[in-house]
Amino acid sequence: MAFQLSHPILRFLTVAALALLLLPAVSLSGTAENRRPDRSKRLRFERPLPEFKLKDLQGRTWTLSDLKGKVTLINVWATWCAPCRVELPYVQRLHEAFENVPGLQVLTLNLDEDPRLVPGYMQAGGYTFPVIRSFKLAEKIHPVSEVPQNWLIDPKGRRSVQSLNGHGEVWLRRVRALMERVLGKP
């Protein structure tokens, strides 16, 4: 029996193989996150963010001055992104932890082309973090070659040199500790 691309088994195996190749950031067990070296002591801030003025899904206007004086986690995501689905619950937990903490905040940038997808996705996931839909701003911050991406912004409005990608409890504790440490620096 010769397999053709139209054969259901071959299509399934092809899609499964592509998914495994395209989603190396997702660790089903979370153990890969535990083995990563702690780069927190090497975190550097060099690139200033560009000026911007954009509204989030709730209608709030955000500008660069809203980030100055605060440590901000900027998460770049999309509804179609499987690693984002794994990571966003932890981004939500950071948002909830810092919602009433002066000097610490979470802001997300969504890359979906269809703006109608995002509100339903947010509601279904129970997400309340602020979302700005702007591929253009994400590209200005750092060229988007993959999602998700996470950047820390220091109180001077500069982006961290390396991205803080990951998920899980270890990632959550690491990012929280980094944000608190950066806030405490003079």
N, C-alpha and C. Protein backbone atom coordinates (compact mmCIF):
# COMPACT_ATOMS: atom_id res chain seq x y z
N MET A 1 0.86 -1.18 0.00
CA MET A 1 0.00 0.00 0.00
C MET A 1 0.90 1.24 0.00
N ALA A 2 0.76 2.06 -0.98
CA ALA A 2 1.56 3.28 -1.08
C ALA A 2 0.84 4.41 -0.35
N PHE A 3 1.58 5.13 0.49
CA PHE A 3 1.00 6.25 1.20
C PHE A 3 1.10 7.51 0.35
N GLN A 4 0.05 8.24 0.35
CA GLN A 4 0.04 9.54 -0.31
C GLN A 4 -0.20 10.58 0.77
N LEU A 5 0.14 11.82 0.48
CA LEU A 5 -0.06 12.89 1.45
C LEU A 5 -1.51 13.00 1.86
N SER A 6 -2.41 12.54 1.02
CA SER A 6 -3.83 12.63 1.35
C SER A 6 -4.26 11.52 2.31
N HIS A 7 -3.40 10.53 2.55
CA HIS A 7 -3.76 9.46 3.48
C HIS A 7 -3.83 10.02 4.90
N PRO A 8 -4.89 9.74 5.66
CA PRO A 8 -5.07 10.33 6.99
C PRO A 8 -3.93 10.04 7.97
N ILE A 9 -3.37 8.85 7.92
CA ILE A 9 -2.29 8.52 8.86
C ILE A 9 -1.05 9.33 8.53
N LEU A 10 -0.72 9.46 7.25
CA LEU A 10 0.44 10.23 6.86
C LEU A 10 0.26 11.71 7.20
N ARG A 11 -0.94 12.24 6.99
CA ARG A 11 -1.21 13.63 7.35
C ARG A 11 -1.02 13.83 8.84
N PHE A 12 -1.55 12.90 9.65
CA PHE A 12 -1.43 13.01 11.11
C PHE A 12 0.04 12.99 11.52
N LEU A 13 0.81 12.04 10.98
CA LEU A 13 2.22 11.94 11.35
C LEU A 13 3.01 13.17 10.90
N THR A 14 2.68 13.70 9.74
CA THR A 14 3.36 14.90 9.26
C THR A 14 3.07 16.09 10.17
N VAL A 15 1.81 16.28 10.53
CA VAL A 15 1.43 17.38 11.42
C VAL A 15 2.08 17.20 12.79
N ALA A 16 2.07 15.97 13.30
CA ALA A 16 2.68 15.71 14.62
C ALA A 16 4.18 16.00 14.59
N ALA A 17 4.86 15.58 13.52
CA ALA A 17 6.30 15.84 13.41
C ALA A 17 6.58 17.33 13.31
N LEU A 18 5.80 18.05 12.54
CA LEU A 18 5.97 19.50 12.44
C LEU A 18 5.73 20.17 13.78
N ALA A 19 4.71 19.73 14.50
CA ALA A 19 4.42 20.32 15.80
C ALA A 19 5.60 20.13 16.75
N LEU A 20 6.19 18.96 16.73
CA LEU A 20 7.34 18.71 17.60
C LEU A 20 8.53 19.58 17.21
N LEU A 21 8.72 19.81 15.93
CA LEU A 21 9.82 20.66 15.48
C LEU A 21 9.59 22.13 15.79
N LEU A 22 8.34 22.57 15.69
CA LEU A 22 8.03 23.98 15.85
C LEU A 22 7.79 24.40 17.29
N LEU A 23 7.61 23.46 18.19
CA LEU A 23 7.28 23.82 19.57
C LEU A 23 8.31 23.33 20.58
N PRO A 24 9.59 23.53 20.34
CA PRO A 24 10.58 23.03 21.29
C PRO A 24 10.55 23.75 22.62
N ALA A 25 9.94 24.92 22.72
CA ALA A 25 9.93 25.67 23.97
C ALA A 25 9.00 25.06 24.99
N VAL A 26 8.06 24.23 24.58
CA VAL A 26 7.10 23.67 25.52
C VAL A 26 7.68 22.41 26.11
N SER A 27 7.79 22.36 27.40
CA SER A 27 8.23 21.18 28.12
C SER A 27 7.04 20.61 28.86
N LEU A 28 6.63 19.42 28.46
CA LEU A 28 5.44 18.85 29.07
C LEU A 28 5.64 18.55 30.55
N SER A 29 6.84 18.20 30.93
CA SER A 29 7.08 17.86 32.33
C SER A 29 7.53 19.05 33.15
N GLY A 30 8.00 20.09 32.51
CA GLY A 30 8.49 21.26 33.23
C GLY A 30 9.91 21.08 33.75
N THR A 31 10.50 19.89 33.55
CA THR A 31 11.82 19.64 34.10
C THR A 31 12.92 20.40 33.38
N ALA A 32 12.73 20.70 32.11
CA ALA A 32 13.74 21.46 31.40
C ALA A 32 13.94 22.83 32.04
N GLU A 33 12.85 23.42 32.51
CA GLU A 33 12.93 24.73 33.17
C GLU A 33 13.78 24.62 34.44
N ASN A 34 13.67 23.50 35.14
CA ASN A 34 14.42 23.32 36.38
C ASN A 34 15.92 23.16 36.12
N ARG A 35 16.30 22.72 34.92
CA ARG A 35 17.71 22.50 34.61
C ARG A 35 18.40 23.73 34.04
N ARG A 36 17.64 24.74 33.68
CA ARG A 36 18.25 25.94 33.09
C ARG A 36 19.12 26.65 34.12
N PRO A 37 20.27 27.14 33.69
CA PRO A 37 21.11 27.88 34.64
C PRO A 37 20.44 29.20 35.02
N ASP A 38 20.66 29.61 36.22
CA ASP A 38 20.09 30.88 36.70
C ASP A 38 20.90 32.02 36.11
N ARG A 39 20.27 32.75 35.20
CA ARG A 39 20.95 33.86 34.54
C ARG A 39 20.60 35.19 35.20
N SER A 40 19.94 35.14 36.34
CA SER A 40 19.44 36.36 36.96
C SER A 40 20.55 37.35 37.31
N LYS A 41 21.71 36.87 37.65
CA LYS A 41 22.79 37.78 38.02
C LYS A 41 23.36 38.49 36.80
N ARG A 42 23.11 37.95 35.60
CA ARG A 42 23.65 38.53 34.38
C ARG A 42 22.64 39.41 33.66
N LEU A 43 21.47 39.62 34.21
CA LEU A 43 20.44 40.40 33.53
C LEU A 43 20.92 41.82 33.32
N ARG A 44 20.91 42.26 32.06
CA ARG A 44 21.37 43.61 31.71
C ARG A 44 20.26 44.33 30.97
N PHE A 45 20.25 45.63 31.11
CA PHE A 45 19.28 46.48 30.42
C PHE A 45 20.05 47.49 29.59
N GLU A 46 19.83 47.44 28.28
CA GLU A 46 20.60 48.32 27.40
C GLU A 46 19.73 49.08 26.41
N ARG A 47 18.73 48.43 25.84
CA ARG A 47 17.98 49.05 24.75
C ARG A 47 16.78 49.81 25.27
N PRO A 48 16.75 51.12 25.05
CA PRO A 48 15.57 51.89 25.47
C PRO A 48 14.37 51.55 24.59
N LEU A 49 13.20 51.52 25.18
CA LEU A 49 11.98 51.28 24.42
C LEU A 49 11.65 52.50 23.58
N PRO A 50 10.99 52.28 22.45
CA PRO A 50 10.57 53.42 21.62
C PRO A 50 9.37 54.11 22.25
N GLU A 51 9.17 55.35 21.91
CA GLU A 51 7.96 56.06 22.34
C GLU A 51 6.76 55.38 21.69
N PHE A 52 5.65 55.30 22.43
CA PHE A 52 4.43 54.75 21.88
C PHE A 52 3.23 55.33 22.62
N LYS A 53 2.08 55.23 21.98
CA LYS A 53 0.82 55.63 22.58
C LYS A 53 -0.25 54.72 21.97
N LEU A 54 -0.68 53.71 22.77
CA LEU A 54 -1.60 52.70 22.27
C LEU A 54 -2.64 52.35 23.34
N LYS A 55 -3.81 51.96 22.87
CA LYS A 55 -4.88 51.55 23.80
C LYS A 55 -4.86 50.05 24.00
N ASP A 56 -5.19 49.64 25.23
CA ASP A 56 -5.34 48.22 25.51
C ASP A 56 -6.78 47.81 25.23
N LEU A 57 -7.10 46.55 25.45
CA LEU A 57 -8.44 46.04 25.17
C LEU A 57 -9.52 46.71 26.02
N GLN A 58 -9.15 47.23 27.18
CA GLN A 58 -10.11 47.88 28.06
C GLN A 58 -10.28 49.37 27.74
N GLY A 59 -9.48 49.87 26.79
CA GLY A 59 -9.59 51.28 26.40
C GLY A 59 -8.60 52.20 27.08
N ARG A 60 -7.76 51.67 27.97
CA ARG A 60 -6.74 52.50 28.62
C ARG A 60 -5.64 52.81 27.63
N THR A 61 -5.20 54.05 27.59
CA THR A 61 -4.10 54.44 26.73
C THR A 61 -2.79 54.27 27.50
N TRP A 62 -1.86 53.55 26.89
CA TRP A 62 -0.54 53.31 27.46
C TRP A 62 0.50 54.09 26.67
N THR A 63 1.47 54.65 27.39
CA THR A 63 2.60 55.32 26.76
C THR A 63 3.87 54.85 27.44
N LEU A 64 4.99 55.21 26.88
CA LEU A 64 6.27 54.84 27.49
C LEU A 64 6.38 55.41 28.90
N SER A 65 5.83 56.58 29.13
CA SER A 65 5.92 57.19 30.47
C SER A 65 5.17 56.36 31.52
N ASP A 66 4.20 55.53 31.12
CA ASP A 66 3.52 54.64 32.06
C ASP A 66 4.45 53.55 32.59
N LEU A 67 5.54 53.29 31.88
CA LEU A 67 6.48 52.26 32.29
C LEU A 67 7.65 52.82 33.09
N LYS A 68 7.92 54.10 32.93
CA LYS A 68 9.07 54.71 33.62
C LYS A 68 8.84 54.70 35.13
N GLY A 69 9.90 54.38 35.86
CA GLY A 69 9.82 54.30 37.31
C GLY A 69 9.29 52.97 37.81
N LYS A 70 8.95 52.06 36.89
CA LYS A 70 8.41 50.75 37.26
C LYS A 70 9.21 49.66 36.56
N VAL A 71 9.15 48.48 37.14
CA VAL A 71 9.69 47.29 36.48
C VAL A 71 8.49 46.60 35.84
N THR A 72 8.56 46.39 34.53
CA THR A 72 7.43 45.85 33.79
C THR A 72 7.85 44.58 33.06
N LEU A 73 7.04 43.54 33.19
CA LEU A 73 7.20 42.36 32.36
C LEU A 73 6.34 42.58 31.13
N ILE A 74 6.96 42.58 29.96
CA ILE A 74 6.20 42.64 28.71
C ILE A 74 6.22 41.24 28.11
N ASN A 75 5.02 40.69 27.93
CA ASN A 75 4.85 39.37 27.35
C ASN A 75 4.25 39.54 25.96
N VAL A 76 4.87 38.91 24.96
CA VAL A 76 4.39 38.95 23.58
C VAL A 76 3.78 37.58 23.27
N TRP A 77 2.51 37.57 22.82
CA TRP A 77 1.80 36.31 22.65
C TRP A 77 0.78 36.40 21.51
N ALA A 78 0.20 35.23 21.18
CA ALA A 78 -0.86 35.15 20.18
C ALA A 78 -1.80 34.00 20.56
N THR A 79 -3.05 34.10 20.14
CA THR A 79 -4.03 33.06 20.49
C THR A 79 -3.71 31.73 19.82
N TRP A 80 -3.03 31.74 18.69
CA TRP A 80 -2.72 30.52 17.95
C TRP A 80 -1.44 29.84 18.43
N CYS A 81 -0.77 30.42 19.40
CA CYS A 81 0.54 29.96 19.86
C CYS A 81 0.39 28.94 21.00
N ALA A 82 0.79 27.69 20.74
CA ALA A 82 0.68 26.64 21.76
C ALA A 82 1.55 26.92 23.00
N PRO A 83 2.82 27.33 22.84
CA PRO A 83 3.61 27.65 24.04
C PRO A 83 3.00 28.80 24.84
N CYS A 84 2.32 29.73 24.15
CA CYS A 84 1.66 30.84 24.86
C CYS A 84 0.55 30.30 25.76
N ARG A 85 -0.18 29.30 25.27
CA ARG A 85 -1.26 28.72 26.08
C ARG A 85 -0.72 28.12 27.38
N VAL A 86 0.49 27.59 27.31
CA VAL A 86 1.12 27.02 28.50
C VAL A 86 1.60 28.14 29.43
N GLU A 87 2.10 29.21 28.86
CA GLU A 87 2.73 30.28 29.63
C GLU A 87 1.75 31.29 30.23
N LEU A 88 0.66 31.60 29.52
CA LEU A 88 -0.23 32.68 29.94
C LEU A 88 -0.83 32.52 31.34
N PRO A 89 -1.16 31.32 31.80
CA PRO A 89 -1.64 31.23 33.19
C PRO A 89 -0.62 31.75 34.20
N TYR A 90 0.66 31.59 33.92
CA TYR A 90 1.71 32.08 34.82
C TYR A 90 1.88 33.60 34.68
N VAL A 91 1.68 34.12 33.48
CA VAL A 91 1.69 35.57 33.28
C VAL A 91 0.52 36.18 34.07
N GLN A 92 -0.63 35.51 34.04
CA GLN A 92 -1.79 35.98 34.81
C GLN A 92 -1.47 35.99 36.31
N ARG A 93 -0.81 34.96 36.78
CA ARG A 93 -0.46 34.92 38.21
C ARG A 93 0.49 36.05 38.59
N LEU A 94 1.43 36.38 37.71
CA LEU A 94 2.31 37.53 37.98
C LEU A 94 1.50 38.81 38.01
N HIS A 95 0.60 38.96 37.06
CA HIS A 95 -0.24 40.15 37.02
C HIS A 95 -1.04 40.29 38.32
N GLU A 96 -1.63 39.21 38.79
CA GLU A 96 -2.41 39.26 40.03
C GLU A 96 -1.52 39.58 41.23
N ALA A 97 -0.32 39.02 41.24
CA ALA A 97 0.60 39.26 42.36
C ALA A 97 1.05 40.72 42.41
N PHE A 98 1.18 41.37 41.25
CA PHE A 98 1.71 42.73 41.20
C PHE A 98 0.65 43.80 40.97
N GLU A 99 -0.60 43.40 40.85
CA GLU A 99 -1.66 44.35 40.50
C GLU A 99 -1.71 45.56 41.44
N ASN A 100 -1.45 45.34 42.71
CA ASN A 100 -1.51 46.44 43.68
C ASN A 100 -0.16 46.73 44.32
N VAL A 101 0.92 46.33 43.65
CA VAL A 101 2.26 46.58 44.16
C VAL A 101 2.86 47.75 43.38
N PRO A 102 3.11 48.86 44.07
CA PRO A 102 3.71 50.01 43.37
C PRO A 102 5.06 49.63 42.77
N GLY A 103 5.26 50.00 41.53
CA GLY A 103 6.56 49.79 40.89
C GLY A 103 6.70 48.50 40.11
N LEU A 104 5.71 47.60 40.18
CA LEU A 104 5.79 46.35 39.43
C LEU A 104 4.51 46.17 38.63
N GLN A 105 4.65 45.76 37.36
CA GLN A 105 3.46 45.56 36.55
C GLN A 105 3.73 44.59 35.39
N VAL A 106 2.62 44.10 34.82
CA VAL A 106 2.66 43.21 33.67
C VAL A 106 1.89 43.89 32.54
N LEU A 107 2.44 43.84 31.34
CA LEU A 107 1.78 44.35 30.15
C LEU A 107 2.02 43.34 29.04
N THR A 108 0.98 43.03 28.26
CA THR A 108 1.17 42.07 27.19
C THR A 108 0.89 42.71 25.84
N LEU A 109 1.57 42.17 24.83
CA LEU A 109 1.37 42.59 23.45
C LEU A 109 0.87 41.39 22.67
N ASN A 110 -0.30 41.53 22.04
CA ASN A 110 -0.88 40.45 21.27
C ASN A 110 -0.60 40.67 19.79
N LEU A 111 -0.30 39.57 19.08
CA LEU A 111 0.07 39.64 17.68
C LEU A 111 -0.99 39.13 16.72
N ASP A 112 -2.16 38.78 17.20
CA ASP A 112 -3.20 38.24 16.32
C ASP A 112 -3.61 39.23 15.25
N GLU A 113 -3.82 38.73 14.04
CA GLU A 113 -4.29 39.59 12.95
C GLU A 113 -5.77 39.94 13.11
N ASP A 114 -6.56 39.00 13.61
CA ASP A 114 -8.00 39.21 13.77
C ASP A 114 -8.29 39.70 15.19
N PRO A 115 -8.63 40.97 15.36
CA PRO A 115 -8.85 41.51 16.70
C PRO A 115 -10.05 40.88 17.43
N ARG A 116 -10.94 40.25 16.70
CA ARG A 116 -12.12 39.64 17.33
C ARG A 116 -11.78 38.39 18.13
N LEU A 117 -10.63 37.79 17.89
CA LEU A 117 -10.25 36.56 18.59
C LEU A 117 -9.84 36.80 20.04
N VAL A 118 -9.26 37.96 20.30
CA VAL A 118 -8.59 38.19 21.58
C VAL A 118 -9.55 38.32 22.77
N PRO A 119 -10.62 39.12 22.70
CA PRO A 119 -11.50 39.23 23.87
C PRO A 119 -12.09 37.89 24.33
N GLY A 120 -12.54 37.07 23.40
CA GLY A 120 -13.08 35.77 23.77
C GLY A 120 -12.03 34.86 24.38
N TYR A 121 -10.83 34.92 23.85
CA TYR A 121 -9.71 34.13 24.37
C TYR A 121 -9.39 34.55 25.80
N MET A 122 -9.37 35.85 26.02
CA MET A 122 -9.10 36.38 27.36
C MET A 122 -10.18 35.92 28.34
N GLN A 123 -11.42 36.03 27.93
CA GLN A 123 -12.52 35.64 28.81
C GLN A 123 -12.49 34.15 29.11
N ALA A 124 -12.28 33.33 28.09
CA ALA A 124 -12.24 31.88 28.28
C ALA A 124 -11.11 31.46 29.22
N GLY A 125 -9.98 32.16 29.17
CA GLY A 125 -8.85 31.83 30.03
C GLY A 125 -8.91 32.48 31.40
N GLY A 126 -9.86 33.39 31.60
CA GLY A 126 -9.95 34.10 32.86
C GLY A 126 -8.82 35.10 33.04
N TYR A 127 -8.29 35.60 31.92
CA TYR A 127 -7.15 36.51 31.97
C TYR A 127 -7.62 37.95 32.13
N THR A 128 -6.93 38.67 33.02
CA THR A 128 -7.27 40.07 33.29
C THR A 128 -6.09 41.01 33.07
N PHE A 129 -4.94 40.48 32.64
CA PHE A 129 -3.79 41.35 32.41
C PHE A 129 -4.07 42.27 31.22
N PRO A 130 -3.42 43.45 31.20
CA PRO A 130 -3.64 44.37 30.09
C PRO A 130 -3.05 43.83 28.79
N VAL A 131 -3.79 44.04 27.70
CA VAL A 131 -3.39 43.56 26.39
C VAL A 131 -3.43 44.71 25.39
N ILE A 132 -2.29 44.97 24.78
CA ILE A 132 -2.21 45.91 23.66
C ILE A 132 -2.02 45.06 22.41
N ARG A 133 -2.85 45.27 21.44
CA ARG A 133 -2.71 44.55 20.17
C ARG A 133 -1.81 45.38 19.25
N SER A 134 -0.55 44.97 19.11
CA SER A 134 0.35 45.75 18.27
C SER A 134 1.58 44.95 17.87
N PHE A 135 1.54 44.39 16.69
CA PHE A 135 2.72 43.73 16.15
C PHE A 135 3.82 44.76 15.91
N LYS A 136 3.42 45.95 15.49
CA LYS A 136 4.38 47.01 15.19
C LYS A 136 5.21 47.39 16.43
N LEU A 137 4.56 47.55 17.58
CA LEU A 137 5.29 47.87 18.81
C LEU A 137 6.19 46.71 19.22
N ALA A 138 5.67 45.48 19.12
CA ALA A 138 6.48 44.31 19.46
C ALA A 138 7.74 44.27 18.60
N GLU A 139 7.60 44.55 17.31
CA GLU A 139 8.75 44.57 16.40
C GLU A 139 9.74 45.67 16.75
N LYS A 140 9.23 46.82 17.21
CA LYS A 140 10.13 47.92 17.59
C LYS A 140 10.91 47.57 18.85
N ILE A 141 10.29 46.83 19.76
CA ILE A 141 10.97 46.44 21.00
C ILE A 141 12.06 45.42 20.68
N HIS A 142 11.70 44.42 19.87
CA HIS A 142 12.65 43.38 19.47
C HIS A 142 12.04 42.62 18.31
N PRO A 143 12.79 42.35 17.25
CA PRO A 143 12.22 41.62 16.12
C PRO A 143 11.56 40.31 16.58
N VAL A 144 10.34 40.12 16.14
CA VAL A 144 9.56 38.95 16.58
C VAL A 144 9.81 37.80 15.62
N SER A 145 10.62 36.86 16.07
CA SER A 145 10.87 35.66 15.27
C SER A 145 10.14 34.46 15.84
N GLU A 146 9.70 34.59 17.09
CA GLU A 146 8.95 33.52 17.74
C GLU A 146 8.16 34.10 18.90
N VAL A 147 7.13 33.39 19.27
CA VAL A 147 6.34 33.74 20.45
C VAL A 147 6.19 32.48 21.29
N PRO A 148 6.07 32.62 22.56
CA PRO A 148 6.05 33.86 23.32
C PRO A 148 7.45 34.43 23.53
N GLN A 149 7.46 35.70 23.87
CA GLN A 149 8.67 36.38 24.30
C GLN A 149 8.33 37.15 25.57
N ASN A 150 9.29 37.25 26.46
CA ASN A 150 9.12 38.00 27.71
C ASN A 150 10.33 38.89 27.91
N TRP A 151 10.06 40.16 28.13
CA TRP A 151 11.12 41.13 28.34
C TRP A 151 10.86 41.88 29.63
N LEU A 152 11.90 42.10 30.40
CA LEU A 152 11.79 42.98 31.56
C LEU A 152 12.18 44.37 31.12
N ILE A 153 11.40 45.32 31.58
CA ILE A 153 11.69 46.73 31.33
C ILE A 153 12.07 47.33 32.68
N ASP A 154 13.22 47.96 32.75
CA ASP A 154 13.66 48.53 34.02
C ASP A 154 13.00 49.89 34.25
N PRO A 155 13.16 50.48 35.45
CA PRO A 155 12.51 51.75 35.74
C PRO A 155 12.92 52.91 34.82
N LYS A 156 14.03 52.75 34.10
CA LYS A 156 14.45 53.79 33.16
C LYS A 156 13.86 53.59 31.76
N GLY A 157 13.05 52.54 31.58
CA GLY A 157 12.43 52.30 30.28
C GLY A 157 13.31 51.54 29.30
N ARG A 158 14.27 50.77 29.83
CA ARG A 158 15.16 49.99 28.98
C ARG A 158 14.79 48.52 29.03
N ARG A 159 14.91 47.83 27.88
CA ARG A 159 14.57 46.42 27.77
C ARG A 159 15.75 45.56 28.18
N SER A 160 15.43 44.43 28.81
CA SER A 160 16.48 43.48 29.16
C SER A 160 17.08 42.93 27.87
N VAL A 161 18.36 42.61 27.93
CA VAL A 161 19.07 42.12 26.76
C VAL A 161 18.54 40.74 26.37
N GLN A 162 18.37 39.85 27.33
CA GLN A 162 17.88 38.53 27.00
C GLN A 162 16.40 38.39 27.37
N SER A 163 15.74 37.54 26.62
CA SER A 163 14.33 37.25 26.87
C SER A 163 14.22 36.27 28.02
N LEU A 164 13.15 36.37 28.78
CA LEU A 164 12.95 35.50 29.94
C LEU A 164 11.83 34.50 29.63
N ASN A 165 12.05 33.65 28.65
CA ASN A 165 11.01 32.71 28.26
C ASN A 165 10.97 31.52 29.20
N GLY A 166 9.79 30.96 29.34
CA GLY A 166 9.61 29.78 30.16
C GLY A 166 8.21 29.73 30.72
N HIS A 167 8.01 28.77 31.58
CA HIS A 167 6.72 28.62 32.25
C HIS A 167 6.94 27.72 33.47
N GLY A 168 5.92 27.58 34.24
CA GLY A 168 6.00 26.72 35.41
C GLY A 168 6.34 27.49 36.67
N GLU A 169 6.31 26.79 37.77
CA GLU A 169 6.54 27.40 39.07
C GLU A 169 7.94 27.97 39.21
N VAL A 170 8.93 27.27 38.67
CA VAL A 170 10.31 27.76 38.77
C VAL A 170 10.45 29.07 38.01
N TRP A 171 9.90 29.13 36.79
CA TRP A 171 9.92 30.35 36.00
C TRP A 171 9.22 31.48 36.73
N LEU A 172 8.07 31.19 37.29
CA LEU A 172 7.29 32.19 38.01
C LEU A 172 8.09 32.79 39.16
N ARG A 173 8.70 31.94 39.98
CA ARG A 173 9.51 32.42 41.10
C ARG A 173 10.71 33.22 40.62
N ARG A 174 11.36 32.74 39.55
CA ARG A 174 12.54 33.42 39.02
C ARG A 174 12.21 34.81 38.50
N VAL A 175 11.15 34.93 37.71
CA VAL A 175 10.78 36.23 37.15
C VAL A 175 10.34 37.18 38.26
N ARG A 176 9.57 36.67 39.20
CA ARG A 176 9.12 37.51 40.31
C ARG A 176 10.32 38.04 41.09
N ALA A 177 11.28 37.17 41.40
CA ALA A 177 12.46 37.59 42.14
C ALA A 177 13.29 38.60 41.34
N LEU A 178 13.42 38.38 40.04
CA LEU A 178 14.15 39.32 39.19
C LEU A 178 13.49 40.69 39.19
N MET A 179 12.16 40.70 39.04
CA MET A 179 11.45 41.98 39.01
C MET A 179 11.62 42.73 40.33
N GLU A 180 11.51 42.02 41.44
CA GLU A 180 11.66 42.67 42.75
C GLU A 180 13.08 43.17 42.93
N ARG A 181 14.07 42.39 42.47
CA ARG A 181 15.47 42.80 42.58
C ARG A 181 15.77 44.03 41.75
N VAL A 182 15.26 44.06 40.50
CA VAL A 182 15.49 45.22 39.63
C VAL A 182 14.82 46.45 40.22
N LEU A 183 13.64 46.31 40.80
CA LEU A 183 12.95 47.44 41.43
C LEU A 183 13.76 47.99 42.60
N GLY A 184 14.40 47.10 43.33
CA GLY A 184 15.16 47.53 44.51
C GLY A 184 16.50 48.16 44.21
N LYS A 185 16.97 48.07 42.96
CA LYS A 185 18.28 48.67 42.61
C LYS A 185 18.13 50.20 42.52
N PRO A 186 19.16 50.91 42.96
CA PRO A 186 19.10 52.39 42.88
C PRO A 186 19.23 52.88 41.46
